[in-house]
Amino acid sequence: MDIEQFRNYCLSFEGVTEKTPFGKFATRFSSVLVFYVCGHMFCMTDIDDFHYAVVKNTPEKIAELHESRRSCERQRNMSAKYWIQLNFGGDISAAEILRLVEQSYQIVKAKYSK
């Protein structure tokens, strides 16, 4: 999977928008692409260094992923309770990462839909 395939997958969900909002804080973050639903983040990745995706999930699922997968890391700039970094090419398949992206989308959409 490449960045364009991943981007198209994220944009295929209803109501999704994308931005690169972090460049205003530091130029090294200008390549971080963030996907939103209902105006809230559900996934992010780095366009220039496409080797991971950061997604939101439940604390229980995040704990399970940390325990069972070496390719899942704590995301240092987000709440470790709700966000996890999924590294491509490790012991978590691309298909599973895509399922977790969809779960993240569903969690955020359910929380913020009126």
C-alpha atoms as a PDB file:
ATOM      1  CA  MET A   1       0.000   0.000   0.000  1.00  0.00           C
ATOM      2  CA  ASP A   2       1.252   3.480  -0.789  1.00  0.00           C
ATOM      3  CA  ILE A   3       0.194   6.901   0.471  1.00  0.00           C
ATOM      4  CA  GLU A   4      -2.259   7.481  -2.407  1.00  0.00           C
ATOM      5  CA  GLN A   5      -4.054   4.185  -1.788  1.00  0.00           C
ATOM      6  CA  PHE A   6      -4.205   4.930   1.931  1.00  0.00           C
ATOM      7  CA  ARG A   7      -5.432   8.483   1.324  1.00  0.00           C
ATOM      8  CA  ASN A   8      -8.128   7.274  -1.082  1.00  0.00           C
ATOM      9  CA  TYR A   9      -9.247   4.675   1.453  1.00  0.00           C
ATOM     10  CA  CYS A  10      -9.612   7.279   4.211  1.00  0.00           C
ATOM     11  CA  LEU A  11     -11.430   9.689   1.888  1.00  0.00           C
ATOM     12  CA  SER A  12     -13.855   6.946   0.820  1.00  0.00           C
ATOM     13  CA  PHE A  13     -15.738   7.230   4.111  1.00  0.00           C
ATOM     14  CA  GLU A  14     -18.730   9.546   4.177  1.00  0.00           C
ATOM     15  CA  GLY A  15     -18.044  13.121   5.259  1.00  0.00           C
ATOM     16  CA  VAL A  16     -14.253  12.852   5.526  1.00  0.00           C
ATOM     17  CA  THR A  17     -12.019  15.873   4.979  1.00  0.00           C
ATOM     18  CA  GLU A  18      -8.240  16.175   5.093  1.00  0.00           C
ATOM     19  CA  LYS A  19      -5.781  18.851   6.200  1.00  0.00           C
ATOM     20  CA  THR A  20      -2.124  19.312   7.020  1.00  0.00           C
ATOM     21  CA  PRO A  21      -2.667  21.427  10.149  1.00  0.00           C
ATOM     22  CA  PHE A  22       0.565  21.021  12.071  1.00  0.00           C
ATOM     23  CA  GLY A  23       2.988  22.878   9.797  1.00  0.00           C
ATOM     24  CA  LYS A  24       2.063  26.137  11.486  1.00  0.00           C
ATOM     25  CA  PHE A  25       3.647  24.812  14.701  1.00  0.00           C
ATOM     26  CA  ALA A  26       6.877  23.571  13.122  1.00  0.00           C
ATOM     27  CA  THR A  27       7.881  22.982   9.499  1.00  0.00           C
ATOM     28  CA  ARG A  28       8.928  19.408  10.323  1.00  0.00           C
ATOM     29  CA  PHE A  29       5.227  18.651  10.896  1.00  0.00           C
ATOM     30  CA  SER A  30       4.019  20.159   7.617  1.00  0.00           C
ATOM     31  CA  SER A  31       3.845  16.721   5.971  1.00  0.00           C
ATOM     32  CA  VAL A  32       1.498  15.228   8.584  1.00  0.00           C
ATOM     33  CA  LEU A  33      -1.807  14.541   6.848  1.00  0.00           C
ATOM     34  CA  VAL A  34      -4.847  14.390   9.127  1.00  0.00           C
ATOM     35  CA  PHE A  35      -8.258  12.961   8.256  1.00  0.00           C
ATOM     36  CA  TYR A  36     -11.387  14.357   9.913  1.00  0.00           C
ATOM     37  CA  VAL A  37     -15.025  13.388  10.288  1.00  0.00           C
ATOM     38  CA  CYS A  38     -17.525  15.794  11.872  1.00  0.00           C
ATOM     39  CA  GLY A  39     -14.616  18.213  12.268  1.00  0.00           C
ATOM     40  CA  HIS A  40     -12.618  15.841  14.511  1.00  0.00           C
ATOM     41  CA  MET A  41      -9.481  13.820  13.813  1.00  0.00           C
ATOM     42  CA  PHE A  42      -9.739  10.073  13.328  1.00  0.00           C
ATOM     43  CA  CYS A  43      -6.475   9.235  11.538  1.00  0.00           C
ATOM     44  CA  MET A  44      -3.124  10.743  10.619  1.00  0.00           C
ATOM     45  CA  THR A  45       0.011   9.775   8.740  1.00  0.00           C
ATOM     46  CA  ASP A  46       3.133  11.404   7.337  1.00  0.00           C
ATOM     47  CA  ILE A  47       3.020  12.006   3.588  1.00  0.00           C
ATOM     48  CA  ASP A  48       6.814  12.198   3.259  1.00  0.00           C
ATOM     49  CA  ASP A  49       7.611   9.288   5.580  1.00  0.00           C
ATOM     50  CA  PHE A  50       4.709   6.919   5.012  1.00  0.00           C
ATOM     51  CA  HIS A  51       5.452   4.083   7.419  1.00  0.00           C
ATOM     52  CA  TYR A  52       2.706   4.443  10.013  1.00  0.00           C
ATOM     53  CA  ALA A  53      -0.886   5.485  10.711  1.00  0.00           C
ATOM     54  CA  VAL A  54      -2.164   6.923  13.977  1.00  0.00           C
ATOM     55  CA  VAL A  55      -5.740   6.025  14.891  1.00  0.00           C
ATOM     56  CA  LYS A  56      -8.174   6.430  17.739  1.00  0.00           C
ATOM     57  CA  ASN A  57      -9.736   3.487  19.580  1.00  0.00           C
ATOM     58  CA  THR A  58     -10.984   2.398  22.976  1.00  0.00           C
ATOM     59  CA  PRO A  59      -8.534   2.106  25.876  1.00  0.00           C
ATOM     60  CA  GLU A  60      -9.231  -1.659  25.991  1.00  0.00           C
ATOM     61  CA  LYS A  61      -8.423  -2.183  22.297  1.00  0.00           C
ATOM     62  CA  ILE A  62      -5.280  -0.065  22.570  1.00  0.00           C
ATOM     63  CA  ALA A  63      -4.080  -2.114  25.560  1.00  0.00           C
ATOM     64  CA  GLU A  64      -4.789  -5.321  23.617  1.00  0.00           C
ATOM     65  CA  LEU A  65      -2.820  -4.068  20.602  1.00  0.00           C
ATOM     66  CA  HIS A  66       0.151  -3.043  22.773  1.00  0.00           C
ATOM     67  CA  GLU A  67       0.206  -6.474  24.375  1.00  0.00           C
ATOM     68  CA  SER A  68      -0.154  -8.491  21.185  1.00  0.00           C
ATOM     69  CA  ARG A  69       1.746  -6.500  18.529  1.00  0.00           C
ATOM     70  CA  ARG A  70       5.281  -5.157  18.403  1.00  0.00           C
ATOM     71  CA  SER A  71       4.332  -2.869  15.488  1.00  0.00           C
ATOM     72  CA  CYS A  72       1.960  -0.835  17.660  1.00  0.00           C
ATOM     73  CA  GLU A  73       3.548   2.063  19.488  1.00  0.00           C
ATOM     74  CA  ARG A  74       2.479   4.746  21.839  1.00  0.00           C
ATOM     75  CA  GLN A  75       1.851   7.960  19.908  1.00  0.00           C
ATOM     76  CA  ARG A  76       3.964  10.541  21.678  1.00  0.00           C
ATOM     77  CA  ASN A  77       1.976  13.646  20.713  1.00  0.00           C
ATOM     78  CA  MET A  78      -1.522  12.326  21.396  1.00  0.00           C
ATOM     79  CA  SER A  79      -3.286  10.815  24.415  1.00  0.00           C
ATOM     80  CA  ALA A  80      -1.889   7.295  24.814  1.00  0.00           C
ATOM     81  CA  LYS A  81      -5.227   6.256  26.304  1.00  0.00           C
ATOM     82  CA  TYR A  82      -7.124   6.814  23.034  1.00  0.00           C
ATOM     83  CA  TRP A  83      -4.522   6.960  20.232  1.00  0.00           C
ATOM     84  CA  ILE A  84      -2.065   4.393  18.890  1.00  0.00           C
ATOM     85  CA  GLN A  85       0.564   4.368  16.163  1.00  0.00           C
ATOM     86  CA  LEU A  86       0.356   1.390  13.794  1.00  0.00           C
ATOM     87  CA  ASN A  87       3.589   0.737  11.896  1.00  0.00           C
ATOM     88  CA  PHE A  88       3.368  -0.720   8.400  1.00  0.00           C
ATOM     89  CA  GLY A  89       5.502  -3.732   7.502  1.00  0.00           C
ATOM     90  CA  GLY A  90       5.595  -5.298  10.952  1.00  0.00           C
ATOM     91  CA  ASP A  91       3.489  -7.860  12.730  1.00  0.00           C
ATOM     92  CA  ILE A  92       0.224  -6.085  11.954  1.00  0.00           C
ATOM     93  CA  SER A  93      -1.103  -6.554   8.433  1.00  0.00           C
ATOM     94  CA  ALA A  94      -2.126  -3.727   6.138  1.00  0.00           C
ATOM     95  CA  ALA A  95      -5.650  -5.182   6.106  1.00  0.00           C
ATOM     96  CA  GLU A  96      -5.826  -5.030   9.897  1.00  0.00           C
ATOM     97  CA  ILE A  97      -4.540  -1.449   9.868  1.00  0.00           C
ATOM     98  CA  LEU A  98      -7.299  -0.521   7.428  1.00  0.00           C
ATOM     99  CA  ARG A  99      -9.884  -2.169   9.703  1.00  0.00           C
ATOM    100  CA  LEU A 100      -8.552  -0.127  12.619  1.00  0.00           C
ATOM    101  CA  VAL A 101      -8.730   3.054  10.529  1.00  0.00           C
ATOM    102  CA  GLU A 102     -12.390   2.271   9.833  1.00  0.00           C
ATOM    103  CA  GLN A 103     -13.024   1.585  13.527  1.00  0.00           C
ATOM    104  CA  SER A 104     -11.441   4.930  14.370  1.00  0.00           C
ATOM    105  CA  TYR A 105     -13.684   6.651  11.828  1.00  0.00           C
ATOM    106  CA  GLN A 106     -16.774   4.934  13.291  1.00  0.00           C
ATOM    107  CA  ILE A 107     -15.823   5.843  16.883  1.00  0.00           C
ATOM    108  CA  VAL A 108     -15.323   9.525  16.070  1.00  0.00           C
ATOM    109  CA  LYS A 109     -18.378   9.734  13.798  1.00  0.00           C
ATOM    110  CA  ALA A 110     -20.629   8.145  16.444  1.00  0.00           C
ATOM    111  CA  LYS A 111     -19.359  10.496  19.132  1.00  0.00           C
ATOM    112  CA  TYR A 112     -19.778  13.712  17.151  1.00  0.00           C
ATOM    113  CA  SER A 113     -22.781  13.026  14.892  1.00  0.00           C
ATOM    114  CA  LYS A 114     -25.874  14.939  15.895  1.00  0.00           C
END
